[in-house]
Amino acid sequence: MRIFDPHIHMTSRTTDDYERMAAAGVRALVEPAFWLGQPRTSVGSFTDYFDSLVGWEPFRASQFGIRHHCTIALNPKEANDPRCREVLQVLPRYLEKDGVVAVGEIGYDSMTPEEDEVFAAQLALAVEHDLPAMVHTPHRDKARGTDRTIAVVRESGIDPGRVVVDHLNEVTVARVAESGCWMGFSIYPDTKMTPSRMVAILQEHGLDRVLVNSAADWGRSDPLLTLRTGEAMLAAGFTDDDVDRVLWRNPVEFYGQSKRLDVSDLLDVDATFEGNSILRGGS
């Protein structure tokens, strides 16, 4: 099983996680820029972070044979802080870097007027730089936030096929499917989405335009939940080809629109790892 995790915050993970991921079949990933858990008070703190996403993290990942890509943006939560607004002025130079495959995470946290403004501005940057966009939907009032997201995407003029609306659930998936955007699902141990629920969604809505990720941020999370989802798909009767489509070919198709994805030499590699039996609890 070969895995491309399309949304995982490796800044919050250890090198042991990289090792486990490689053994599980993770060959490539995308790390979105996000909120680091406490307020940042200057533009410099963002540029230091962005530099790590395009420099240090790709190096860390390469030590375990994993291709690291990233997305760059001012995240929705900090869009509300006037001290952070100047970040918008430095984004263009990062959006031209080779390893940056989308603008993100953008979207909504609390659905404020400030978030509206920053969301629209960054969708415009995605169009200007010919990049896809990764959109974060709010944890609270998710249905209303998803509807508002779709409306802003439509107003922006960006091709919806170049937008992934992430952190979806059973309530929001159908409206995103109808919009033409890609559908993103974050698999967590306790919140957002579980492997079994994800399988039920795939059975109902199909495999088209679906991205499954582990997110794996600062909270309780597991960078191997993409693997667990693939295993759950096989147990439910999906084929190996179905799993490969969801966990590999779909992310390649979406991020390949950036024309910067560095996985061409991995496309035909059979990623079968002896470590999988251990990761499943075997001996």
Protein backbone atom coordinates (compact mmCIF):
# COMPACT_ATOMS: atom_id res chain seq x y z
CA MET A 1 0.00 0.00 0.00
CA ARG A 2 1.50 3.34 -1.07
CA ILE A 3 0.30 6.44 0.75
CA PHE A 4 0.39 10.15 0.00
CA ASP A 5 -0.82 12.05 3.06
CA PRO A 6 -2.29 15.26 1.58
CA HIS A 7 -2.57 17.19 4.87
CA ILE A 8 -0.27 16.48 7.81
CA HIS A 9 1.44 18.90 10.19
CA MET A 10 4.88 17.32 10.54
CA THR A 11 6.19 20.34 12.45
CA SER A 12 4.30 18.89 15.42
CA ARG A 13 5.68 15.34 14.96
CA THR A 14 8.95 13.63 15.89
CA THR A 15 11.49 11.81 13.75
CA ASP A 16 10.08 8.57 15.21
CA ASP A 17 6.82 9.45 13.46
CA TYR A 18 8.64 9.87 10.15
CA GLU A 19 10.20 6.43 10.63
CA ARG A 20 6.83 4.80 11.40
CA MET A 21 5.20 6.54 8.45
CA ALA A 22 7.87 5.35 6.04
CA ALA A 23 7.48 1.78 7.30
CA ALA A 24 3.70 2.07 6.83
CA GLY A 25 4.02 3.02 3.17
CA VAL A 26 3.90 6.82 3.30
CA ARG A 27 5.98 7.95 0.34
CA ALA A 28 4.91 11.60 0.02
CA LEU A 29 3.04 14.27 1.98
CA VAL A 30 1.85 17.86 2.00
CA GLU A 31 2.27 19.97 5.12
CA PRO A 32 -0.04 23.01 5.29
CA ALA A 33 0.91 26.18 7.12
CA PHE A 34 -1.27 26.46 10.23
CA TRP A 35 -1.72 27.99 13.67
CA LEU A 36 1.09 26.87 16.00
CA GLY A 37 -0.95 26.77 19.21
CA GLN A 38 -0.23 30.26 20.52
CA PRO A 39 -0.47 33.75 19.00
CA ARG A 40 2.35 34.97 16.81
CA THR A 41 3.10 38.64 17.30
CA SER A 42 5.12 39.65 14.25
CA VAL A 43 5.61 38.92 10.56
CA GLY A 44 9.10 37.61 11.32
CA SER A 45 7.71 34.70 13.30
CA PHE A 46 5.73 33.67 10.22
CA THR A 47 8.65 33.94 7.81
CA ASP A 48 10.82 31.82 10.12
CA TYR A 49 8.04 29.22 10.13
CA PHE A 50 7.56 29.36 6.36
CA ASP A 51 11.32 28.96 5.90
CA SER A 52 11.19 25.76 7.95
CA LEU A 53 8.36 24.41 5.76
CA VAL A 54 10.33 24.91 2.56
CA GLY A 55 13.74 23.98 3.99
CA TRP A 56 14.09 22.06 7.23
CA GLU A 57 11.03 19.81 7.01
CA PRO A 58 11.80 18.57 3.48
CA PHE A 59 15.26 17.64 4.75
CA ARG A 60 13.84 15.79 7.78
CA ALA A 61 11.42 13.89 5.55
CA SER A 62 14.11 12.98 3.02
CA GLN A 63 16.08 11.15 5.70
CA PHE A 64 13.26 8.59 5.70
CA GLY A 65 12.64 8.50 1.96
CA ILE A 66 9.50 10.67 2.13
CA ARG A 67 8.86 13.51 -0.33
CA HIS A 68 7.76 16.63 1.54
CA HIS A 69 5.71 19.42 -0.05
CA CYS A 70 3.87 22.27 1.65
CA THR A 71 1.16 24.88 1.33
CA ILE A 72 1.66 28.48 2.47
CA ALA A 73 -0.91 30.98 3.79
CA LEU A 74 -2.09 33.14 6.66
CA ASN A 75 -4.32 30.74 8.58
CA PRO A 76 -7.94 31.67 9.41
CA LYS A 77 -7.48 31.97 13.17
CA GLU A 78 -4.64 34.48 12.93
CA ALA A 79 -6.39 36.36 10.14
CA ASN A 80 -8.29 38.04 12.99
CA ASP A 81 -5.11 39.48 14.55
CA PRO A 82 -4.17 42.88 13.06
CA ARG A 83 -0.53 42.21 13.94
CA CYS A 84 -0.53 39.37 11.42
CA ARG A 85 -2.16 41.12 8.46
CA GLU A 86 1.21 42.12 6.98
CA VAL A 87 1.85 38.43 6.35
CA LEU A 88 -0.25 38.80 3.20
CA GLN A 89 2.50 41.03 1.78
CA VAL A 90 5.21 38.33 2.12
CA LEU A 91 3.17 35.43 0.78
CA PRO A 92 3.91 36.01 -2.95
CA ARG A 93 7.63 35.27 -2.60
CA TYR A 94 6.88 31.96 -0.85
CA LEU A 95 4.16 31.01 -3.34
CA GLU A 96 6.83 30.98 -6.07
CA LYS A 97 9.00 28.36 -4.33
CA ASP A 98 9.30 24.90 -5.87
CA GLY A 99 8.00 22.83 -2.97
CA VAL A 100 4.88 24.94 -2.45
CA VAL A 101 1.97 23.13 -4.12
CA ALA A 102 -1.05 25.15 -2.93
CA VAL A 103 -2.24 28.19 -0.98
CA GLY A 104 -3.43 27.02 2.44
CA GLU A 105 -4.75 26.56 4.97
CA ILE A 106 -7.20 29.36 4.27
CA GLY A 107 -10.90 29.68 5.07
CA TYR A 108 -12.79 30.09 8.32
CA ASP A 109 -12.31 29.73 12.05
CA SER A 110 -14.99 32.00 13.54
CA MET A 111 -16.48 33.39 10.30
CA THR A 112 -15.63 37.01 11.03
CA PRO A 113 -15.48 39.90 8.54
CA GLU A 114 -11.68 39.81 8.89
CA GLU A 115 -11.65 36.15 7.87
CA ASP A 116 -13.90 36.96 4.89
CA GLU A 117 -11.40 39.55 3.69
CA VAL A 118 -8.30 37.41 4.15
CA PHE A 119 -9.95 34.34 2.63
CA ALA A 120 -10.91 36.25 -0.52
CA ALA A 121 -7.46 37.86 -0.78
CA GLN A 122 -5.72 34.48 -0.61
CA LEU A 123 -8.02 32.86 -3.16
CA ALA A 124 -6.99 35.73 -5.43
CA LEU A 125 -3.35 34.87 -4.74
CA ALA A 126 -4.04 31.25 -5.70
CA VAL A 127 -5.44 32.41 -9.04
CA GLU A 128 -2.56 34.84 -9.57
CA HIS A 129 0.09 32.21 -8.86
CA ASP A 130 -1.77 29.41 -10.69
CA LEU A 131 -1.94 27.25 -7.56
CA PRO A 132 -4.64 25.08 -6.01
CA ALA A 133 -6.15 26.15 -2.68
CA MET A 134 -6.63 24.20 0.56
CA VAL A 135 -9.59 25.42 2.62
CA HIS A 136 -10.10 24.85 6.34
CA THR A 137 -13.72 24.59 7.47
CA PRO A 138 -14.59 25.81 10.99
CA HIS A 139 -14.86 23.43 13.92
CA ARG A 140 -17.98 25.26 15.14
CA ASP A 141 -21.12 25.65 13.01
CA LYS A 142 -19.49 23.58 10.29
CA ALA A 143 -22.53 23.39 8.00
CA ARG A 144 -22.97 27.17 7.84
CA GLY A 145 -19.20 27.61 7.48
CA THR A 146 -19.09 25.14 4.60
CA ASP A 147 -21.94 26.90 2.78
CA ARG A 148 -20.17 30.23 3.25
CA THR A 149 -16.92 28.70 1.99
CA ILE A 150 -18.56 27.43 -1.19
CA ALA A 151 -20.09 30.86 -1.81
CA VAL A 152 -16.75 32.64 -1.43
CA VAL A 153 -15.02 30.13 -3.71
CA ARG A 154 -17.72 30.68 -6.33
CA GLU A 155 -17.39 34.47 -6.07
CA SER A 156 -13.60 34.31 -6.41
CA GLY A 157 -13.68 32.88 -9.91
CA ILE A 158 -11.21 30.10 -9.09
CA ASP A 159 -11.94 26.76 -10.75
CA PRO A 160 -13.62 24.66 -8.01
CA GLY A 161 -11.64 21.66 -9.25
CA ARG A 162 -8.54 23.43 -7.93
CA VAL A 163 -9.97 23.78 -4.41
CA VAL A 164 -10.08 21.17 -1.64
CA VAL A 165 -12.52 21.89 1.19
CA ASP A 166 -11.16 20.03 4.18
CA HIS A 167 -12.27 18.65 7.56
CA LEU A 168 -15.61 17.49 6.16
CA ASN A 169 -18.08 15.10 7.76
CA GLU A 170 -21.36 13.36 6.99
CA VAL A 171 -23.29 16.64 7.25
CA THR A 172 -21.12 18.66 4.84
CA VAL A 173 -19.86 16.19 2.24
CA ALA A 174 -22.83 16.31 -0.14
CA ARG A 175 -22.85 20.10 -0.50
CA VAL A 176 -19.11 20.14 -1.31
CA ALA A 177 -19.53 17.29 -3.79
CA GLU A 178 -22.22 19.30 -5.57
CA SER A 179 -19.98 22.40 -5.68
CA GLY A 180 -17.31 20.70 -7.81
CA CYS A 181 -14.62 21.21 -5.16
CA TRP A 182 -12.49 18.36 -3.87
CA MET A 183 -13.54 16.83 -0.56
CA GLY A 184 -11.00 16.51 2.27
CA PHE A 185 -11.40 14.33 5.36
CA SER A 186 -9.15 14.39 8.44
CA ILE A 187 -9.04 11.05 10.26
CA TYR A 188 -8.58 11.36 14.03
CA PRO A 189 -8.69 8.94 16.98
CA ASP A 190 -11.56 10.75 18.73
CA THR A 191 -12.80 13.69 16.66
CA LYS A 192 -13.64 14.83 13.10
CA MET A 193 -13.68 11.44 11.30
CA THR A 194 -12.79 7.79 11.98
CA PRO A 195 -11.70 5.11 9.50
CA SER A 196 -15.04 3.29 9.74
CA ARG A 197 -17.03 6.48 9.15
CA MET A 198 -14.76 7.34 6.24
CA VAL A 199 -15.46 3.96 4.66
CA ALA A 200 -19.21 4.58 4.96
CA ILE A 201 -18.82 7.94 3.22
CA LEU A 202 -16.83 6.35 0.40
CA GLN A 203 -19.51 3.68 0.00
CA GLU A 204 -22.21 6.34 -0.29
CA HIS A 205 -20.43 9.08 -2.25
CA GLY A 206 -17.76 7.24 -4.22
CA LEU A 207 -14.04 7.82 -4.70
CA ASP A 208 -13.99 10.85 -7.02
CA ARG A 209 -12.33 14.05 -5.75
CA VAL A 210 -11.72 12.58 -2.27
CA LEU A 211 -8.60 13.28 -0.20
CA VAL A 212 -8.04 11.39 3.06
CA ASN A 213 -5.50 12.75 5.53
CA SER A 214 -4.30 12.28 9.09
CA ALA A 215 -3.69 16.02 9.83
CA ALA A 216 -1.67 14.90 12.89
CA ASP A 217 -1.39 18.25 14.64
CA TRP A 218 -0.61 19.23 18.24
CA GLY A 219 -3.67 17.49 19.68
CA ARG A 220 -4.32 13.78 20.07
CA SER A 221 -3.77 12.40 16.58
CA ASP A 222 -2.14 9.54 14.72
CA PRO A 223 -0.02 9.90 11.56
CA LEU A 224 -0.86 6.30 10.61
CA LEU A 225 -4.61 6.80 10.29
CA THR A 226 -4.31 6.96 6.50
CA LEU A 227 -2.99 3.38 6.68
CA ARG A 228 -5.81 2.40 9.05
CA THR A 229 -8.34 3.86 6.62
CA GLY A 230 -6.86 1.84 3.76
CA GLU A 231 -7.08 -1.30 5.88
CA ALA A 232 -10.70 -0.50 6.76
CA MET A 233 -11.50 -0.03 3.07
CA LEU A 234 -10.07 -3.47 2.22
CA ALA A 235 -11.99 -5.07 5.10
CA ALA A 236 -15.21 -3.50 3.76
CA GLY A 237 -14.71 -4.97 0.29
CA PHE A 238 -12.93 -2.17 -1.58
CA THR A 239 -10.17 -3.37 -3.91
CA ASP A 240 -6.45 -2.66 -3.73
CA ASP A 241 -6.93 -0.37 -6.73
CA ASP A 242 -9.65 1.57 -4.88
CA VAL A 243 -7.31 2.09 -1.93
CA ASP A 244 -4.49 3.19 -4.22
CA ARG A 245 -6.80 5.66 -5.89
CA VAL A 246 -7.87 7.28 -2.61
CA LEU A 247 -4.52 7.20 -0.81
CA TRP A 248 -2.19 7.88 -3.74
CA ARG A 249 -3.62 8.77 -7.14
CA ASN A 250 -6.18 11.30 -5.91
CA PRO A 251 -3.62 13.44 -4.02
CA VAL A 252 -1.26 13.24 -6.99
CA GLU A 253 -4.05 14.41 -9.30
CA PHE A 254 -5.07 17.32 -7.07
CA TYR A 255 -1.63 18.68 -6.18
CA GLY A 256 -0.29 17.85 -9.62
CA GLN A 257 -2.27 20.88 -10.81
CA SER A 258 0.48 23.01 -9.24
CA LYS A 259 3.00 21.56 -11.72
CA ARG A 260 5.46 21.38 -8.81
CA LEU A 261 4.75 17.94 -7.40
CA ASP A 262 7.95 15.88 -7.05
CA VAL A 263 6.73 12.28 -7.18
CA SER A 264 7.14 11.29 -10.84
CA ASP A 265 9.77 8.67 -10.04
CA LEU A 266 7.49 7.15 -7.37
CA LEU A 267 4.36 6.72 -9.49
CA ASP A 268 5.01 3.12 -10.50
CA VAL A 269 6.80 1.97 -7.38
CA ASP A 270 5.19 -0.89 -5.47
CA ALA A 271 5.27 0.41 -1.90
CA THR A 272 4.98 -2.83 0.03
CA PHE A 273 6.77 -2.64 3.37
CA GLU A 274 7.71 -5.49 5.67
CA GLY A 275 7.00 -3.18 8.61
CA ASN A 276 3.25 -3.24 7.92
CA SER A 277 2.72 -6.45 9.91
CA ILE A 278 4.31 -4.86 12.96
CA LEU A 279 2.26 -1.67 12.54
CA ARG A 280 -0.93 -3.73 12.44
CA GLY A 281 0.01 -5.34 15.74
CA GLY A 282 1.62 -8.48 14.34
CA SER A 283 4.94 -9.92 15.39
